[in-house]
């Protein structure tokens, strides 16, 4: 099989290219820019394009499939050549479905928690050596790539993003996977550049649920009112399984899962993750695992060693009085859940929470009001944004006072210069204090991984 990738350098695209190469397919590709770590990984596999740019002459009648990435434009010259030749053109999610259509597909959907739930399910299956294919939105410990597609696996676990499929396919990705088993973790308005109203956004999840196959199953978070409504109104013939926060306790900074073992006796399972949102994620993952033959006992045995997905409450530094975390949180619901989780886990420590407004939605003045109260649990709340990013996204400028008003917090500190932000953080007294850095960006080039060294913490 000959497969050509248009925009091979993307995070998801290069992982798909690597797994198809490993599967024995002849993989070619193009891109106008390829950054690390994609560049080195593609080079090591021998499939890095020799020259950056678009080359229609790479396309010919011998190509069995063309996979079009989101980074490419609708007028891409290679895409035009593929159409001219009448080649089969797939979006990324379409090709994932094509490769898994004869497997039991587990699709993880929701505005938040998708990567963590997918990672939890994969961790448990990997722990018990249960073979599966997968697609997940982060690099996971113990997994070589973010995508695995094989001939042998009977199960495919897929993170179902609601964003668009490709430049020429405006359907949300998760509409294309046709799940046998689905989980819906939460609905909180996002991607307003694509879904201009809340109801328009919710409609995508209604469609997703209605695409679950006959006699399939939907595991859903009943604590989310919108999710509950979508699940209960679904008319297709499926099993519906609700979940919520499981019984737990926090002791000395460790969260323990409390489970009843066929009677009054209770077993405590110490976890390496924390926060009510993560506990709900865990409970949803458990119920999904039940649907594919994993017992509660097997799940609990495995989940104790789960350390979390990359960039999701990721531990950067820890000593006796300070813990530093970073998290991908950027939307209002994620900010609220993550900030509350750290404060609840360490109630006697001061919490400095810092977030970056980086996405199209977060930098849109009409969306800003959604952040009201999102960081109320933090003792010190800080927001950073770069005015040049707003200009680059062709959005109307915003001023710091607008951000303060939106978060409805008078003591909110707002920065527009990342060096000033880092200098301010460096001068904080970190004794008996935790720092939480939240962003889908990197504070304009700050080496967050080495943040403890920047602050001279030991």
Protein backbone atom coordinates (compact mmCIF):
# COMPACT_ATOMS: atom_id res chain seq x y z
CA UNK A 1 0.00 0.00 0.00
CA UNK A 2 1.28 3.47 -0.96
CA UNK A 3 0.09 6.29 1.31
CA UNK A 4 0.91 9.97 0.89
CA UNK A 5 0.54 12.53 3.70
CA UNK A 6 -0.16 16.17 2.86
CA UNK A 7 1.14 18.08 5.95
CA UNK A 8 3.05 15.11 7.39
CA UNK A 9 4.78 17.17 10.09
CA UNK A 10 1.77 17.75 12.37
CA UNK A 11 1.63 16.19 15.81
CA UNK A 12 -1.14 13.76 14.93
CA UNK A 13 -0.18 13.35 11.27
CA UNK A 14 3.43 12.34 11.84
CA UNK A 15 2.34 9.79 14.44
CA UNK A 16 -0.10 8.27 11.95
CA UNK A 17 2.65 8.25 9.31
CA UNK A 18 5.00 6.45 11.71
CA UNK A 19 2.47 3.75 12.57
CA UNK A 20 1.60 3.16 8.88
CA UNK A 21 5.33 2.89 8.09
CA UNK A 22 5.71 0.40 10.94
CA UNK A 23 2.73 -1.54 9.55
CA UNK A 24 4.68 -2.03 6.31
CA UNK A 25 3.04 0.62 4.13
CA UNK A 26 5.13 2.70 1.73
CA UNK A 27 4.80 6.19 3.27
CA UNK A 28 5.61 9.48 1.55
CA UNK A 29 4.71 13.02 2.58
CA UNK A 30 5.18 16.75 2.26
CA UNK A 31 5.01 19.82 4.48
CA UNK A 32 6.06 23.44 4.27
CA UNK A 33 7.53 23.29 7.80
CA UNK A 34 8.41 20.40 10.11
CA UNK A 35 9.36 21.08 13.72
CA UNK A 36 10.71 18.92 16.52
CA UNK A 37 10.02 16.28 17.69
CA UNK A 38 8.28 15.37 14.41
CA UNK A 39 11.41 16.12 12.37
CA UNK A 40 13.73 13.73 14.18
CA UNK A 41 11.13 10.99 14.52
CA UNK A 42 10.31 11.06 10.80
CA UNK A 43 14.01 11.21 9.93
CA UNK A 44 14.81 8.19 12.10
CA UNK A 45 12.07 6.25 10.32
CA UNK A 46 13.43 7.31 6.92
CA UNK A 47 10.23 9.13 5.88
CA UNK A 48 11.14 12.80 6.47
CA UNK A 49 10.58 14.83 3.26
CA UNK A 50 13.97 15.72 1.75
CA UNK A 51 12.89 19.30 1.03
CA UNK A 52 10.17 21.36 2.71
CA UNK A 53 7.36 22.54 0.45
CA UNK A 54 4.57 21.18 -1.75
CA UNK A 55 5.41 19.04 -4.78
CA UNK A 56 2.44 17.88 -6.91
CA UNK A 57 4.81 15.60 -8.87
CA UNK A 58 4.95 13.32 -5.79
CA UNK A 59 1.36 12.31 -6.58
CA UNK A 60 0.70 9.59 -9.15
CA UNK A 61 -1.80 6.85 -9.97
CA UNK A 62 0.10 4.36 -7.78
CA UNK A 63 -0.91 6.20 -4.58
CA UNK A 64 -3.59 4.13 -2.80
CA UNK A 65 -4.56 6.81 -0.26
CA UNK A 66 -3.88 10.49 0.33
CA UNK A 67 -4.28 11.73 3.92
CA UNK A 68 -4.95 15.45 4.26
CA UNK A 69 -3.87 17.22 7.47
CA UNK A 70 -5.49 20.31 9.02
CA UNK A 71 -2.31 22.34 8.51
CA UNK A 72 -2.76 22.19 4.72
CA UNK A 73 -4.95 24.76 2.99
CA UNK A 74 -7.93 23.95 0.78
CA UNK A 75 -5.99 25.29 -2.25
CA UNK A 76 -2.93 23.10 -1.58
CA UNK A 77 -1.28 22.18 -4.94
CA UNK A 78 -0.77 18.53 -3.91
CA UNK A 79 -4.45 18.28 -2.97
CA UNK A 80 -5.40 19.72 -6.36
CA UNK A 81 -3.21 17.08 -8.08
CA UNK A 82 -4.73 14.28 -5.99
CA UNK A 83 -8.23 15.41 -7.06
CA UNK A 84 -7.13 15.66 -10.69
CA UNK A 85 -5.82 12.07 -10.58
CA UNK A 86 -9.00 10.83 -8.88
CA UNK A 87 -7.07 9.45 -5.88
CA UNK A 88 -8.79 8.45 -2.65
CA UNK A 89 -8.47 11.41 -0.26
CA UNK A 90 -9.04 10.86 3.46
CA UNK A 91 -9.09 13.24 6.39
CA UNK A 92 -7.12 12.05 9.41
CA UNK A 93 -10.22 10.71 11.25
CA UNK A 94 -11.59 9.10 8.09
CA UNK A 95 -8.39 7.11 7.73
CA UNK A 96 -8.41 6.09 11.39
CA UNK A 97 -11.92 4.72 10.82
CA UNK A 98 -10.87 3.00 7.60
CA UNK A 99 -8.14 1.17 9.52
CA UNK A 100 -10.40 0.21 12.47
CA UNK A 101 -13.80 -0.43 10.87
CA UNK A 102 -13.64 -4.17 11.61
CA UNK A 103 -12.68 -3.67 15.27
CA UNK A 104 -14.63 -2.77 18.41
CA UNK A 105 -14.22 1.00 18.51
CA UNK A 106 -14.17 2.81 21.84
CA UNK A 107 -14.45 6.57 21.28
CA UNK A 108 -13.80 9.08 24.07
CA UNK A 109 -15.70 12.36 23.59
CA UNK A 110 -16.23 15.51 25.65
CA UNK A 111 -15.02 19.09 25.98
CA UNK A 112 -12.56 18.07 28.68
CA UNK A 113 -10.93 14.92 30.05
CA UNK A 114 -10.64 13.13 26.68
CA UNK A 115 -6.89 12.61 26.72
CA UNK A 116 -6.82 11.57 30.38
CA UNK A 117 -9.68 9.06 30.02
CA UNK A 118 -8.12 7.61 26.87
CA UNK A 119 -4.76 7.38 28.64
CA UNK A 120 -6.35 5.65 31.66
CA UNK A 121 -8.05 3.03 29.47
CA UNK A 122 -4.82 2.40 27.56
CA UNK A 123 -2.80 2.17 30.77
CA UNK A 124 -5.14 -0.50 32.18
CA UNK A 125 -5.17 -2.51 28.94
CA UNK A 126 -1.38 -2.26 28.65
CA UNK A 127 -0.95 -3.28 32.30
CA UNK A 128 -2.93 -6.47 31.66
CA UNK A 129 -1.28 -7.04 28.26
CA UNK A 130 -4.58 -6.71 26.36
CA UNK A 131 -3.70 -5.81 22.78
CA UNK A 132 -5.45 -2.80 21.26
CA UNK A 133 -5.05 -0.16 18.58
CA UNK A 134 -5.33 3.46 19.66
CA UNK A 135 -5.20 7.14 18.86
CA UNK A 136 -4.56 9.58 21.72
CA UNK A 137 -3.79 13.31 21.81
CA UNK A 138 -0.63 13.19 23.95
CA UNK A 139 2.55 11.18 24.22
CA UNK A 140 2.02 8.55 26.95
CA UNK A 141 4.59 6.81 29.12
CA UNK A 142 5.10 3.25 27.90
CA UNK A 143 3.80 3.97 24.37
CA UNK A 144 6.12 4.68 21.41
CA UNK A 145 3.64 6.68 19.38
CA UNK A 146 0.31 8.49 19.82
CA UNK A 147 -1.23 6.20 17.19
CA UNK A 148 -1.11 2.43 16.76
CA UNK A 149 -2.88 0.56 13.96
CA UNK A 150 -2.34 -3.16 13.50
CA UNK A 151 -3.91 -6.18 11.83
CA UNK A 152 -4.08 -8.23 15.05
CA UNK A 153 -5.82 -6.02 17.66
CA UNK A 154 -9.58 -6.53 18.06
CA UNK A 155 -10.15 -3.27 19.98
CA UNK A 156 -9.41 0.35 19.01
CA UNK A 157 -9.46 3.12 21.63
CA UNK A 158 -9.83 6.54 19.99
CA UNK A 159 -9.76 10.03 21.49
CA UNK A 160 -12.67 11.79 19.77
CA UNK A 161 -11.99 15.49 19.19
CA UNK A 162 -14.92 17.72 18.22
CA UNK A 163 -12.77 20.02 16.06
CA UNK A 164 -12.94 19.99 12.24
CA UNK A 165 -11.66 17.00 10.25
CA UNK A 166 -9.75 18.71 7.43
CA UNK A 167 -9.62 21.91 5.35
CA UNK A 168 -12.20 20.40 2.97
CA UNK A 169 -14.26 18.45 5.52
CA UNK A 170 -16.03 20.66 8.07
CA UNK A 171 -17.44 17.75 10.09
CA UNK A 172 -16.14 17.31 13.66
CA UNK A 173 -13.58 14.49 13.87
CA UNK A 174 -15.58 12.42 16.34
CA UNK A 175 -18.53 12.19 13.92
CA UNK A 176 -16.44 9.95 11.67
CA UNK A 177 -15.42 7.18 14.10
CA UNK A 178 -18.85 5.46 14.47
CA UNK A 179 -18.28 4.06 17.99
CA UNK A 180 -19.46 0.74 19.35
CA UNK A 181 -18.75 2.05 22.86
CA UNK A 182 -18.59 5.77 23.61
CA UNK A 183 -17.94 7.91 26.66
CA UNK A 184 -19.04 11.53 27.06
CA UNK A 185 -17.18 13.37 29.83
CA UNK A 186 -18.54 16.91 29.69
CA UNK A 187 -19.84 19.71 27.51
CA UNK A 188 -18.48 23.24 27.92
CA UNK A 189 -18.59 25.66 24.99
CA UNK A 190 -15.32 25.90 23.05
CA UNK A 191 -14.05 26.53 19.49
CA UNK A 192 -16.32 29.55 18.97
CA UNK A 193 -14.62 30.25 15.63
CA UNK A 194 -16.30 27.06 14.37
CA UNK A 195 -19.35 26.75 16.66
CA UNK A 196 -20.64 30.32 17.11
CA UNK A 197 -23.38 29.49 19.63
CA UNK A 198 -23.56 27.17 22.61
CA UNK A 199 -26.49 25.24 21.13
CA UNK A 200 -24.62 24.77 17.86
CA UNK A 201 -21.72 23.33 19.90
CA UNK A 202 -24.01 21.02 21.92
CA UNK A 203 -25.61 19.77 18.70
CA UNK A 204 -22.27 18.18 17.72
CA UNK A 205 -22.46 15.99 20.82
CA UNK A 206 -26.08 15.06 20.13
CA UNK A 207 -24.99 13.87 16.68
CA UNK A 208 -22.02 11.99 18.20
CA UNK A 209 -24.24 10.07 20.62
CA UNK A 210 -26.70 9.19 17.86
CA UNK A 211 -23.87 7.69 15.81
CA UNK A 212 -23.19 4.95 18.40
CA UNK A 213 -23.88 1.62 16.73
CA UNK A 214 -27.01 -0.47 17.40
CA UNK A 215 -26.77 -2.31 20.76
CA UNK A 216 -23.69 -0.29 21.64
CA UNK A 217 -23.04 1.52 24.92
CA UNK A 218 -22.75 5.11 26.13
CA UNK A 219 -20.93 5.82 29.38
CA UNK A 220 -21.73 9.40 30.41
CA UNK A 221 -21.03 11.86 33.24
CA UNK A 222 -24.36 12.43 34.97
CA UNK A 223 -22.91 15.32 37.02
CA UNK A 224 -22.76 17.41 33.85
CA UNK A 225 -26.31 18.68 33.25
CA UNK A 226 -25.82 19.13 29.50
CA UNK A 227 -24.28 15.68 29.06
CA UNK A 228 -27.13 14.12 31.07
CA UNK A 229 -29.68 15.85 28.87
CA UNK A 230 -27.96 14.74 25.64
CA UNK A 231 -27.64 11.15 26.87
CA UNK A 232 -31.19 10.82 28.14
CA UNK A 233 -32.74 12.33 24.98
CA UNK A 234 -30.84 9.99 22.67
CA UNK A 235 -33.26 7.74 20.81
CA UNK A 236 -30.90 5.08 19.43
CA UNK A 237 -30.96 1.54 20.81
CA UNK A 238 -27.96 1.58 23.15
CA UNK A 239 -27.10 0.83 26.75
CA UNK A 240 -26.69 4.02 28.84
CA UNK A 241 -24.34 3.91 31.85
CA UNK A 242 -24.02 7.04 34.05
CA UNK A 243 -21.06 7.85 36.30
CA UNK A 244 -20.06 10.46 38.86
CA UNK A 245 -17.31 11.11 41.43
CA UNK A 246 -16.42 7.85 43.22
CA UNK A 247 -15.97 7.56 46.99
CA UNK A 248 -12.53 8.78 47.99
CA UNK A 249 -10.49 10.45 50.69
CA UNK A 250 -7.37 12.64 50.77
CA UNK A 251 -4.69 11.97 53.35
CA UNK A 252 -1.22 13.58 53.48
CA UNK A 253 -1.47 14.80 49.90
CA UNK A 254 -2.52 11.39 48.51
CA UNK A 255 -5.97 10.57 47.16
CA UNK A 256 -7.35 7.12 48.02
CA UNK A 257 -10.15 5.41 46.14
CA UNK A 258 -12.63 3.73 48.48
CA UNK A 259 -14.34 0.67 47.02
CA UNK A 260 -16.73 -1.76 48.68
CA UNK A 261 -15.59 -5.33 48.22
CA UNK A 262 -18.81 -7.41 48.31
CA UNK A 263 -19.78 -6.35 51.82
CA UNK A 264 -18.93 -3.89 54.58
CA UNK A 265 -15.16 -4.24 54.07
CA UNK A 266 -13.54 -1.33 52.22
CA UNK A 267 -10.35 -1.48 50.15
CA UNK A 268 -8.29 1.68 49.75
CA UNK A 269 -6.40 2.23 46.51
CA UNK A 270 -3.76 4.97 46.62
CA UNK A 271 -3.68 7.00 43.40
CA UNK A 272 -0.98 9.05 41.73
CA UNK A 273 -3.56 11.43 40.23
CA UNK A 274 -5.98 13.68 42.09
CA UNK A 275 -8.86 16.11 41.74
CA UNK A 276 -12.58 15.47 41.38
CA UNK A 277 -12.37 15.85 37.61
CA UNK A 278 -9.71 13.13 37.46
CA UNK A 279 -11.71 10.89 39.78
CA UNK A 280 -14.71 11.27 37.48
CA UNK A 281 -12.46 10.52 34.51
CA UNK A 282 -11.24 7.41 36.33
CA UNK A 283 -14.77 6.22 37.06
CA UNK A 284 -15.78 6.69 33.44
CA UNK A 285 -12.67 4.81 32.26
CA UNK A 286 -13.53 1.95 34.66
CA UNK A 287 -17.03 1.57 33.21
CA UNK A 288 -15.69 1.63 29.66
CA UNK A 289 -13.17 -1.06 30.59
CA UNK A 290 -16.04 -3.14 32.02
CA UNK A 291 -17.64 -3.06 28.55
CA UNK A 292 -14.54 -4.62 26.97
CA UNK A 293 -14.11 -7.39 29.52
CA UNK A 294 -11.96 -5.77 32.22
CA UNK A 295 -13.29 -6.38 35.75
CA UNK A 296 -13.29 -3.75 38.50
CA UNK A 297 -10.59 -5.69 40.35
CA UNK A 298 -8.34 -5.68 37.27
CA UNK A 299 -9.01 -1.97 36.74
CA UNK A 300 -8.18 -0.97 40.32
CA UNK A 301 -5.03 -3.08 40.33
CA UNK A 302 -3.74 -1.27 37.24
CA UNK A 303 -4.92 2.29 37.84
CA UNK A 304 -2.81 2.75 40.99
CA UNK A 305 0.31 3.08 38.84
CA UNK A 306 -1.23 5.59 36.40
CA UNK A 307 0.74 8.86 36.64
CA UNK A 308 -1.38 10.94 34.29
CA UNK A 309 -1.09 12.02 30.67
CA UNK A 310 1.61 14.44 29.55
CA UNK A 311 0.78 18.06 30.39
CA UNK A 312 -2.23 17.09 32.52
CA UNK A 313 -1.45 18.11 36.13
CA UNK A 314 2.11 17.10 35.26
CA UNK A 315 4.51 17.26 38.20
CA UNK A 316 7.49 19.50 37.37
CA UNK A 317 9.08 19.86 40.80
CA UNK A 318 8.48 18.83 44.40
CA UNK A 319 10.13 19.37 47.77
CA UNK A 320 8.86 19.43 51.36
CA UNK A 321 7.03 22.73 51.01
CA UNK A 322 6.51 23.39 47.29
CA UNK A 323 4.99 21.52 44.37
CA UNK A 324 4.98 22.82 40.78
CA UNK A 325 2.46 21.55 38.23
CA UNK A 326 1.74 22.34 34.63
CA UNK A 327 -1.54 21.59 32.89
CA UNK A 328 -3.01 21.91 29.41
CA UNK A 329 -6.05 23.70 30.91
CA UNK A 330 -7.07 26.77 28.93
CA UNK A 331 -10.88 26.74 28.68
CA UNK A 332 -13.00 28.04 31.61
CA UNK A 333 -14.25 24.62 32.76
CA UNK A 334 -10.73 23.13 32.69
CA UNK A 335 -9.27 26.08 34.59
CA UNK A 336 -11.93 25.81 37.28
CA UNK A 337 -11.53 22.04 37.72
CA UNK A 338 -7.72 22.05 37.74
CA UNK A 339 -7.35 24.99 40.13
CA UNK A 340 -9.91 23.49 42.53
CA UNK A 341 -8.16 20.10 42.36
CA UNK A 342 -4.77 21.45 43.47
CA UNK A 343 -6.31 23.54 46.26
CA UNK A 344 -8.34 20.60 47.54
CA UNK A 345 -5.32 18.28 47.45
CA UNK A 346 -3.15 20.77 49.40
CA UNK A 347 -5.67 22.81 51.46
CA UNK A 348 -3.04 24.19 53.85
CA UNK A 349 -0.74 25.55 51.16
CA UNK A 350 -0.99 28.84 49.32
CA UNK A 351 -1.80 28.33 45.63
CA UNK A 352 -0.44 30.56 42.88
CA UNK A 353 -2.34 29.79 39.67
CA UNK A 354 -1.11 31.22 36.39
CA UNK A 355 -2.80 30.73 33.01
CA UNK A 356 -2.13 31.85 29.44
CA UNK A 357 -4.88 33.08 27.14
CA UNK A 358 -3.67 31.50 23.92
CA UNK A 359 -6.49 29.94 21.87
CA UNK A 360 -8.83 31.69 19.42
CA UNK A 361 -11.76 31.34 21.84
CA UNK A 362 -9.89 32.53 24.93
CA UNK A 363 -8.61 35.67 23.18
CA UNK A 364 -12.01 36.60 21.77
CA UNK A 365 -13.53 39.53 23.70
CA UNK A 366 -17.01 38.02 23.32
CA UNK A 367 -15.90 34.75 24.93
CA UNK A 368 -13.89 36.24 27.82
CA UNK A 369 -16.94 36.51 30.10
CA UNK A 370 -17.07 32.68 30.18
CA UNK A 371 -14.02 32.82 32.50
CA UNK A 372 -15.97 34.37 35.37
CA UNK A 373 -14.90 32.66 38.62
CA UNK A 374 -12.60 30.20 36.81
CA UNK A 375 -9.67 30.80 39.19
CA UNK A 376 -11.51 31.73 42.38
CA UNK A 377 -9.92 28.84 44.31
CA UNK A 378 -6.41 30.25 43.81
CA UNK A 379 -4.90 32.45 46.51
CA UNK A 380 -2.95 34.34 43.84
CA UNK A 381 -4.41 34.38 40.31
CA UNK A 382 -2.36 35.46 37.28
CA UNK A 383 -3.28 35.70 33.59
CA UNK A 384 -0.82 36.17 30.74
CA UNK A 385 -1.49 36.93 27.09
CA UNK A 386 0.56 38.25 24.19
CA UNK A 387 -1.05 41.10 22.21
CA UNK A 388 0.86 39.91 19.10
CA UNK A 389 -0.96 36.56 19.30
CA UNK A 390 -4.30 38.43 19.19
CA UNK A 391 -3.06 40.40 16.18
CA UNK A 392 -1.88 37.19 14.46
CA UNK A 393 -5.31 35.60 14.97
CA UNK A 394 -6.88 38.77 13.49
CA UNK A 395 -8.95 39.40 16.61
CA UNK A 396 -9.99 42.69 18.20
CA UNK A 397 -7.39 43.86 20.79
CA UNK A 398 -8.16 43.36 24.47
CA UNK A 399 -6.76 45.29 27.43
CA UNK A 400 -5.82 43.99 30.90
CA UNK A 401 -8.86 45.60 32.53
CA UNK A 402 -11.15 43.59 30.24
CA UNK A 403 -9.46 40.41 31.46
CA UNK A 404 -9.88 41.43 35.11
CA UNK A 405 -13.54 42.22 34.53
CA UNK A 406 -14.09 38.91 32.74
CA UNK A 407 -12.58 36.82 35.54
CA UNK A 408 -14.55 38.96 38.05
CA UNK A 409 -11.55 39.17 40.33
CA UNK A 410 -10.18 42.57 41.36
CA UNK A 411 -6.86 41.19 42.59
CA UNK A 412 -6.18 39.34 39.31
CA UNK A 413 -2.67 40.10 38.02
CA UNK A 414 -2.50 40.47 34.22
CA UNK A 415 0.77 40.36 32.25
CA UNK A 416 1.46 40.91 28.55
CA UNK A 417 5.23 40.38 28.74
CA UNK A 418 6.43 36.86 29.55
CA UNK A 419 9.76 38.01 31.00
CA UNK A 420 8.00 40.34 33.45
CA UNK A 421 5.72 37.46 34.40
CA UNK A 422 8.67 35.13 35.08
CA UNK A 423 10.48 37.82 37.10
CA UNK A 424 7.35 38.32 39.23
CA UNK A 425 7.00 34.58 39.82
CA UNK A 426 10.71 34.26 40.61
CA UNK A 427 10.33 36.83 43.41
CA UNK A 428 7.50 34.89 45.10
CA UNK A 429 8.10 33.20 48.44
CA UNK A 430 7.52 29.53 47.60
CA UNK A 431 7.59 28.30 51.19
CA UNK A 432 4.40 26.29 51.82
CA UNK A 433 3.24 27.37 48.36
CA UNK A 434 2.24 25.51 45.19
CA UNK A 435 2.49 26.86 41.65
CA UNK A 436 0.13 25.79 38.88
CA UNK A 437 0.97 26.81 35.29
CA UNK A 438 -1.90 26.33 32.84
CA UNK A 439 -1.66 26.81 29.09
CA UNK A 440 -2.06 25.18 25.70
CA UNK A 441 0.93 27.30 24.65
CA UNK A 442 4.32 27.93 26.28
CA UNK A 443 4.21 31.51 27.58
CA UNK A 444 6.05 32.59 24.41
CA UNK A 445 9.10 30.38 24.62
CA UNK A 446 9.52 29.88 28.36
CA UNK A 447 11.17 26.53 29.15
CA UNK A 448 8.43 25.38 31.51
CA UNK A 449 10.09 21.97 32.00
CA UNK A 450 13.00 23.71 33.74
CA UNK A 451 10.84 26.15 35.67
CA UNK A 452 12.26 25.02 39.03
CA UNK A 453 15.76 25.99 37.86
CA UNK A 454 14.46 29.37 36.68
CA UNK A 455 13.07 29.97 40.18
CA UNK A 456 16.22 28.49 41.80
CA UNK A 457 14.20 25.94 43.73
CA UNK A 458 16.02 22.93 45.21
